[in-house]
Protein backbone atom coordinates (compact mmCIF):
# COMPACT_ATOMS: atom_id res chain seq x y z
CA MET A 1 97.73 -5.82 57.55
CA HIS A 2 97.87 -2.24 58.83
CA PRO A 3 97.59 0.48 56.14
CA ALA A 4 101.21 1.45 56.88
CA ASP A 5 102.53 -2.10 56.38
CA PRO A 6 105.66 -1.83 54.20
CA LEU A 7 104.56 -4.92 52.23
CA ILE A 8 101.60 -3.03 50.78
CA THR A 9 102.24 -1.44 47.37
CA PRO A 10 101.70 2.34 47.64
CA TRP A 11 98.94 4.00 45.65
CA GLN A 12 99.95 6.38 42.86
CA ALA A 13 96.76 8.20 41.93
CA ALA A 14 95.89 11.21 39.78
CA LEU A 15 92.71 13.09 38.93
CA ASP A 16 92.42 15.76 36.22
CA LEU A 17 89.19 17.77 36.03
CA GLY A 18 88.14 20.51 33.63
CA PHE A 19 85.08 22.76 33.95
CA GLU A 20 83.77 25.03 31.19
CA ARG A 21 80.94 27.54 30.85
CA ARG A 22 78.64 26.65 27.97
CA GLY A 23 75.57 28.78 27.56
CA GLY A 24 74.24 29.40 31.02
CA SER A 25 75.72 26.24 32.52
CA THR A 26 79.04 25.04 33.90
CA LEU A 27 79.88 21.58 32.60
CA LEU A 28 82.43 19.02 33.76
CA VAL A 29 84.05 18.55 30.35
CA ARG A 30 87.19 16.68 31.38
CA ARG A 31 87.42 13.87 33.91
CA GLN A 32 90.56 11.77 33.67
CA HIS A 33 91.92 9.57 36.44
CA SER A 34 94.42 6.90 37.29
CA GLY A 35 94.50 4.94 40.51
CA PRO A 36 91.93 5.39 43.27
CA LEU A 37 90.73 8.96 42.69
CA ARG A 38 87.31 9.61 41.16
CA VAL A 39 84.52 12.05 40.54
CA GLN A 40 81.41 10.01 39.76
CA LYS A 41 79.17 12.72 38.33
CA ALA A 42 78.54 16.45 38.09
CA LEU A 43 75.95 17.75 40.55
CA TYR A 44 73.80 20.90 40.36
CA PRO A 45 72.14 21.47 43.75
CA GLU A 46 72.38 25.27 43.28
CA GLY A 47 71.37 25.45 39.62
CA SER A 48 73.14 24.92 36.31
CA GLU A 49 75.54 27.87 36.59
CA LEU A 50 77.52 26.20 39.40
CA CYS A 51 78.84 22.65 39.10
CA HIS A 52 79.49 20.66 42.29
CA ALA A 53 81.90 17.71 42.28
CA ILE A 54 82.71 15.28 45.09
CA VAL A 55 86.29 14.00 44.97
CA LEU A 56 86.36 10.36 46.04
CA HIS A 57 89.38 8.47 47.34
CA PRO A 58 88.01 4.92 47.84
CA PRO A 59 90.84 3.67 50.12
CA ALA A 60 89.70 6.44 52.55
CA GLY A 61 93.21 6.89 53.93
CA ILE A 62 96.68 7.83 52.72
CA ALA A 63 99.59 5.65 53.83
CA GLY A 64 103.36 6.02 53.59
CA GLY A 65 104.52 5.98 49.96
CA ASP A 66 101.13 6.98 48.53
CA ARG A 67 101.01 9.96 46.19
CA LEU A 68 97.79 11.69 45.17
CA GLU A 69 97.74 14.45 42.55
CA ILE A 70 94.59 16.46 41.85
CA SER A 71 94.50 18.96 38.99
CA ILE A 72 91.49 21.26 38.55
CA GLU A 73 90.92 23.77 35.75
CA VAL A 74 87.94 26.13 35.87
CA ALA A 75 87.79 27.93 32.55
CA ASP A 76 86.68 31.52 31.94
CA ASP A 77 83.32 32.44 33.54
CA ALA A 78 82.71 28.92 34.87
CA GLN A 79 81.82 28.20 38.50
CA ALA A 80 82.83 25.03 40.34
CA LEU A 81 82.70 23.80 43.93
CA LEU A 82 84.66 20.73 44.99
CA THR A 83 84.49 18.89 48.27
CA THR A 84 85.06 15.41 49.73
CA PRO A 85 82.62 12.85 51.19
CA GLY A 86 84.30 12.66 54.60
CA ALA A 87 87.43 13.30 56.60
CA GLY A 88 90.75 12.41 54.99
CA LYS A 89 93.04 10.15 57.02
CA TRP A 90 96.82 10.18 56.95
CA TYR A 91 98.01 6.89 58.48
CA ARG A 92 101.17 6.27 60.44
CA SER A 93 104.13 5.38 58.23
CA ALA A 94 106.95 2.88 58.52
CA GLY A 95 109.18 5.59 57.01
CA PRO A 96 108.09 6.55 53.47
CA LEU A 97 106.52 9.94 52.82
CA ALA A 98 102.84 10.20 51.83
CA GLU A 99 102.06 13.11 49.49
CA GLN A 100 99.09 15.02 48.15
CA ALA A 101 99.40 17.79 45.57
CA VAL A 102 96.42 19.94 44.55
CA ASN A 103 96.81 22.28 41.57
CA ILE A 104 93.96 24.66 40.71
CA ARG A 105 93.78 27.00 37.70
CA VAL A 106 90.96 29.52 37.48
CA GLY A 107 90.18 31.55 34.37
CA ALA A 108 88.98 35.14 34.00
CA GLY A 109 85.56 35.71 35.54
CA ALA A 110 85.52 32.18 36.97
CA THR A 111 85.07 31.01 40.56
CA ALA A 112 86.60 27.93 42.20
CA GLU A 113 85.70 26.74 45.69
CA TRP A 114 87.97 24.03 47.14
CA LEU A 115 86.26 22.88 50.32
CA PRO A 116 87.50 19.45 51.42
CA GLN A 117 86.42 18.10 54.77
CA GLU A 118 89.01 17.89 57.54
CA SER A 119 92.23 15.86 57.36
CA ILE A 120 93.14 13.67 60.34
CA VAL A 121 96.91 13.23 60.68
CA PHE A 122 97.60 10.09 62.72
CA SER A 123 100.52 9.98 65.14
CA GLY A 124 103.48 8.55 63.24
CA ALA A 125 102.36 9.86 59.85
CA GLU A 126 104.98 11.22 57.47
CA ALA A 127 102.93 13.51 55.27
CA CYS A 128 103.29 16.32 52.76
CA MET A 129 100.37 18.46 51.53
CA ARG A 130 100.84 21.02 48.75
CA THR A 131 98.25 23.34 47.22
CA ALA A 132 98.92 25.72 44.34
CA VAL A 133 96.30 28.10 42.93
CA GLU A 134 96.76 30.08 39.71
CA LEU A 135 94.22 32.87 39.17
CA ALA A 136 93.70 34.87 35.99
CA GLU A 137 92.78 38.53 36.41
CA GLY A 138 89.13 38.61 37.43
CA ALA A 139 89.16 35.06 38.83
CA ARG A 140 88.06 34.23 42.38
CA PHE A 141 88.96 31.45 44.78
CA ILE A 142 87.69 30.29 48.17
CA GLY A 143 89.45 27.47 50.01
CA VAL A 144 89.55 25.87 53.45
CA GLU A 145 92.04 23.46 54.99
CA THR A 146 91.35 21.91 58.39
CA LEU A 147 93.98 19.71 60.04
CA CYS A 148 93.40 17.47 63.05
CA PHE A 149 96.59 16.24 64.72
CA GLY A 150 96.18 12.82 66.28
CA ARG A 151 92.87 11.15 67.08
CA ARG A 152 91.73 13.08 70.10
CA ALA A 153 88.54 11.03 70.56
CA SER A 154 90.69 7.89 70.89
CA GLY A 155 93.14 9.54 73.26
CA GLU A 156 95.89 9.74 70.63
CA SER A 157 98.06 12.86 70.43
CA PHE A 158 100.40 13.73 67.60
CA ASP A 159 103.56 12.68 69.43
CA ARG A 160 105.65 11.48 66.48
CA GLY A 161 105.84 11.84 62.74
CA SER A 162 105.64 15.08 60.76
CA LEU A 163 103.48 17.07 58.38
CA GLN A 164 104.95 19.33 55.70
CA LEU A 165 102.71 22.06 54.30
CA ALA A 166 103.02 24.33 51.27
CA SER A 167 100.43 26.65 49.77
CA ASP A 168 100.73 29.26 47.03
CA ILE A 169 98.24 31.58 45.36
CA ARG A 170 99.20 33.58 42.30
CA LEU A 171 97.06 36.25 40.64
CA ASP A 172 97.89 37.06 37.04
CA GLY A 173 101.28 35.43 37.58
CA LYS A 174 102.16 37.46 40.68
CA LEU A 175 102.55 35.82 44.06
CA LEU A 176 99.65 36.76 46.32
CA TRP A 177 100.09 34.22 49.13
CA GLN A 178 102.83 31.79 50.09
CA GLU A 179 103.08 29.66 53.21
CA ARG A 180 105.46 26.90 54.22
CA GLY A 181 105.43 24.83 57.37
CA ARG A 182 106.62 21.67 59.01
CA ILE A 183 104.93 20.37 62.13
CA ALA A 184 106.75 17.55 63.89
CA GLY A 185 105.05 15.36 66.47
CA ALA A 186 105.74 16.42 70.08
CA SER A 187 107.82 19.39 68.85
CA PRO A 188 107.85 22.71 70.75
CA LEU A 189 105.76 24.17 67.92
CA MET A 190 102.81 22.06 69.07
CA HIS A 191 102.59 24.14 72.26
CA SER A 192 104.22 27.42 71.24
CA PRO A 193 101.95 30.50 71.05
CA ILE A 194 103.33 31.08 67.54
CA GLY A 195 102.41 27.51 66.60
CA LEU A 196 99.43 25.38 67.64
CA ALA A 197 99.41 26.78 71.21
CA GLY A 198 98.46 23.38 72.63
CA TYR A 199 95.50 22.85 70.32
CA SER A 200 95.05 19.70 68.25
CA LEU A 201 93.27 21.34 65.30
CA CYS A 202 94.01 24.24 63.01
CA SER A 203 91.97 25.57 60.12
CA THR A 204 92.83 28.13 57.45
CA VAL A 205 90.35 29.94 55.21
CA LEU A 206 91.61 31.75 52.10
CA ALA A 207 89.59 33.90 49.72
CA ALA A 208 91.49 35.46 46.83
CA GLY A 209 90.88 37.64 43.78
CA VAL A 210 88.55 40.28 45.22
CA ASP A 211 89.10 43.05 47.75
CA ILE A 212 86.98 42.45 50.85
CA ASP A 213 84.95 45.57 51.64
CA ALA A 214 84.82 47.04 55.14
CA PRO A 215 81.26 45.90 56.02
CA THR A 216 82.03 42.30 55.00
CA LEU A 217 85.28 42.28 56.95
CA ALA A 218 83.49 43.70 59.99
CA ALA A 219 80.84 40.97 59.73
CA CYS A 220 83.57 38.30 59.50
CA ARG A 221 85.21 39.70 62.61
CA THR A 222 82.00 39.24 64.58
CA THR A 223 81.97 35.52 63.78
CA THR A 224 82.37 33.47 66.94
CA SER A 225 82.68 29.79 67.83
CA LYS A 226 80.66 27.64 70.20
CA GLU A 227 83.89 25.87 71.24
CA ALA A 228 85.05 27.17 74.63
CA GLY A 229 88.65 28.34 74.58
CA ALA A 230 89.10 28.25 70.80
CA GLN A 231 91.12 31.03 69.18
CA TYR A 232 90.30 32.56 65.81
CA GLY A 233 90.75 35.69 63.77
CA VAL A 234 90.59 37.15 60.28
CA SER A 235 92.52 39.70 58.26
CA ALA A 236 92.24 41.27 54.83
CA MET A 237 94.96 42.32 52.42
CA PRO A 238 94.71 43.53 48.82
CA ARG A 239 92.79 40.82 46.91
CA LEU A 240 93.23 38.33 49.78
CA PHE A 241 91.29 37.33 52.91
CA VAL A 242 92.76 35.01 55.57
CA GLY A 243 90.96 33.34 58.46
CA ARG A 244 92.60 31.20 61.16
CA TYR A 245 91.09 28.87 63.75
CA LEU A 246 92.74 26.93 66.58
CA GLY A 247 90.74 24.49 68.66
CA HIS A 248 89.97 20.84 69.27
CA SER A 249 86.58 20.41 67.56
CA ALA A 250 86.31 19.80 63.81
CA GLU A 251 82.56 20.40 64.03
CA ALA A 252 83.04 23.81 65.67
CA ALA A 253 85.74 24.76 63.15
CA ARG A 254 83.40 23.86 60.28
CA GLU A 255 80.57 25.92 61.74
CA TRP A 256 82.96 28.87 62.09
CA PHE A 257 84.00 28.47 58.45
CA VAL A 258 80.39 28.21 57.24
CA THR A 259 79.53 31.49 58.97
CA LEU A 260 82.53 33.20 57.34
CA TRP A 261 81.49 31.66 54.03
CA GLN A 262 78.01 33.14 54.41
CA HIS A 263 79.61 36.60 54.59
CA LEU A 264 82.23 36.05 51.89
CA ARG A 265 80.43 34.09 49.22
CA PRO A 266 78.04 36.81 48.02
CA ILE A 267 80.94 39.10 47.06
CA MET A 268 83.26 36.28 45.92
CA ALA A 269 80.80 34.13 43.97
CA GLY A 270 77.67 36.26 43.69
CA ARG A 271 75.49 33.82 45.62
CA GLU A 272 74.47 32.86 49.13
CA ALA A 273 76.28 30.07 50.93
CA ALA A 274 74.61 26.65 50.61
CA VAL A 275 76.21 23.85 52.64
CA PRO A 276 76.90 20.75 50.47
CA ARG A 277 74.48 17.99 51.44
CA ILE A 278 77.33 15.46 51.69
CA TRP A 279 78.59 17.32 54.78
CA ASN A 280 75.46 16.23 56.64
CA THR A 281 75.84 12.49 55.99
């Protein structure tokens, strides 16, 4: 049966993770799950101060009616980086909505990096993605979200279905960033210059909690892409950095993000960027 077959029982999955600083190390002290969401083990490729975790979703795709909820708490002074082992897939739906909610809380002096690999939204998907970040004063956050509409390599465009998007970042209880969107297949927004401008991929980079200094912002603005015709840009506001990319290549968008990350991470997390090894598999 196809993943969107209405006879298949939808997955209801949840993952709750807690990271704490103990001595000179960040430990994964809470790891609770239900349904097909897992973190198998804590990893330390950059040393004990920073804990890496790979969020696994064994079905590999999200179908209509599925709901995934990921809760992450990084306690005071801890450092955590979370990513995924591959691209997420949002399958076409027979009607029911598929949902993913990510809630991240970051304590004072702590750093959270939420760096999932790209999400591929199949034509006919009915999807909703929500991300909410709560920062204490002195906390820092870096996140990236890359969306691929349709399966371009297979000749599929996003000509039906819809994707709803919501993201919020609060700092010490005050709203720092809020974005809402709904992208419908074959809608005028797909080709509008204020929408996707005819591109099949969009990526957003957010860094919050620290003012970006002028030299770092200037370096970010020199970042280019190897993808011909891609559009991209960055801007900085008080305690918030935003980067946008429009193109067709997930590989090029990732390389653009990694270069931005190399500029941002030293002032956000106090360390050089080190690409997670899972991205190369």
